[in-house]
Structures are given as structure tokens and as C-alpha cells.
Amino acid sequence: MSVQREKIVLIVSGTYGRELVPCLHDLTQLNCIYVYCADNAHNEEWSKNYTN
């Protein structure tokens, strides 16, 4: 099985999302990232730089 043919869905907390998204957003296997947090305004600020 080839990892290149698989699609990845990543679910992270807001704290980890802020650190991981910049490192992972260009991976072709990454289909989407869900960031769960209580502070939407804080995470909307940094996440608006990423389209997926």
C-alpha cells in the first residue's frame, strides 16, 4: 500500500493546530485539517492564511 495514494484528515486542538498547520498544509495527502478549540477568534486570525 502506498501512502501517496491515501488521503489524510487531521483533527487537532487549537494549540497544536497553530504549530502543525504551517508544517503540514502543503502535503498533497492532507485532505483537510479540523481545529477544535474554545477560542475561535484567536484561531481564526492565524488560520485565515491557509485555504484548506
C-alpha atoms as a PDB file:
ATOM      1  CA  MET A   1       0.000   0.000   0.000  1.00  0.00           C
ATOM      2  CA  SER A   2       1.305   3.429  -0.928  1.00  0.00           C
ATOM      3  CA  VAL A   3       0.882   6.338   1.454  1.00  0.00           C
ATOM      4  CA  GLN A   4       0.955   8.713  -1.511  1.00  0.00           C
ATOM      5  CA  ARG A   5      -2.441   7.419  -2.657  1.00  0.00           C
ATOM      6  CA  GLU A   6      -4.096   7.832   0.719  1.00  0.00           C
ATOM      7  CA  LYS A   7      -5.881  10.944   1.964  1.00  0.00           C
ATOM      8  CA  ILE A   8      -5.320  12.197   5.495  1.00  0.00           C
ATOM      9  CA  VAL A   9      -7.834  14.016   7.692  1.00  0.00           C
ATOM     10  CA  LEU A  10      -6.156  15.666  10.688  1.00  0.00           C
ATOM     11  CA  ILE A  11      -8.039  16.662  13.846  1.00  0.00           C
ATOM     12  CA  VAL A  12      -6.131  18.786  16.351  1.00  0.00           C
ATOM     13  CA  SER A  13      -6.657  21.219  19.196  1.00  0.00           C
ATOM     14  CA  GLY A  14      -6.178  24.931  18.623  1.00  0.00           C
ATOM     15  CA  THR A  15      -2.800  24.927  20.366  1.00  0.00           C
ATOM     16  CA  TYR A  16      -1.378  22.131  18.228  1.00  0.00           C
ATOM     17  CA  GLY A  17      -3.104  23.370  15.098  1.00  0.00           C
ATOM     18  CA  ARG A  18      -1.247  26.643  15.226  1.00  0.00           C
ATOM     19  CA  GLU A  19       2.062  24.737  15.356  1.00  0.00           C
ATOM     20  CA  LEU A  20       1.251  21.886  12.952  1.00  0.00           C
ATOM     21  CA  VAL A  21      -0.690  23.564  10.150  1.00  0.00           C
ATOM     22  CA  PRO A  22       2.254  25.639   8.849  1.00  0.00           C
ATOM     23  CA  CYS A  23       4.390  22.479   8.704  1.00  0.00           C
ATOM     24  CA  LEU A  24       1.803  20.192   7.096  1.00  0.00           C
ATOM     25  CA  HIS A  25      -0.503  22.270   4.890  1.00  0.00           C
ATOM     26  CA  ASP A  26       1.475  21.631   1.673  1.00  0.00           C
ATOM     27  CA  LEU A  27       1.269  17.827   1.911  1.00  0.00           C
ATOM     28  CA  THR A  28      -0.661  16.503  -1.073  1.00  0.00           C
ATOM     29  CA  GLN A  29      -2.004  13.621   1.035  1.00  0.00           C
ATOM     30  CA  LEU A  30      -3.584  16.032   3.532  1.00  0.00           C
ATOM     31  CA  ASN A  31      -7.252  16.381   2.628  1.00  0.00           C
ATOM     32  CA  CYS A  32      -8.347  18.646   5.484  1.00  0.00           C
ATOM     33  CA  ILE A  33      -7.492  19.795   8.986  1.00  0.00           C
ATOM     34  CA  TYR A  34     -10.117  20.296  11.671  1.00  0.00           C
ATOM     35  CA  VAL A  35      -9.067  22.559  14.539  1.00  0.00           C
ATOM     36  CA  TYR A  36     -11.192  22.283  17.670  1.00  0.00           C
ATOM     37  CA  CYS A  37     -10.889  24.984  20.287  1.00  0.00           C
ATOM     38  CA  ALA A  38     -12.826  27.260  22.598  1.00  0.00           C
ATOM     39  CA  ASP A  39     -11.186  30.485  21.370  1.00  0.00           C
ATOM     40  CA  ASN A  40     -12.475  30.840  17.801  1.00  0.00           C
ATOM     41  CA  ALA A  41     -11.375  34.456  17.363  1.00  0.00           C
ATOM     42  CA  HIS A  42      -7.766  33.635  18.236  1.00  0.00           C
ATOM     43  CA  ASN A  43      -7.581  30.692  15.828  1.00  0.00           C
ATOM     44  CA  GLU A  44      -9.424  32.440  13.000  1.00  0.00           C
ATOM     45  CA  GLU A  45      -6.646  35.028  12.920  1.00  0.00           C
ATOM     46  CA  TRP A  46      -3.793  32.613  12.118  1.00  0.00           C
ATOM     47  CA  SER A  47      -5.888  30.103  10.162  1.00  0.00           C
ATOM     48  CA  LYS A  48      -7.099  32.627   7.562  1.00  0.00           C
ATOM     49  CA  ASN A  49      -3.652  32.306   5.950  1.00  0.00           C
ATOM     50  CA  TYR A  50      -4.479  28.736   4.867  1.00  0.00           C
ATOM     51  CA  THR A  51      -7.098  27.840   2.275  1.00  0.00           C
ATOM     52  CA  ASN A  52      -7.772  24.220   3.276  1.00  0.00           C
END
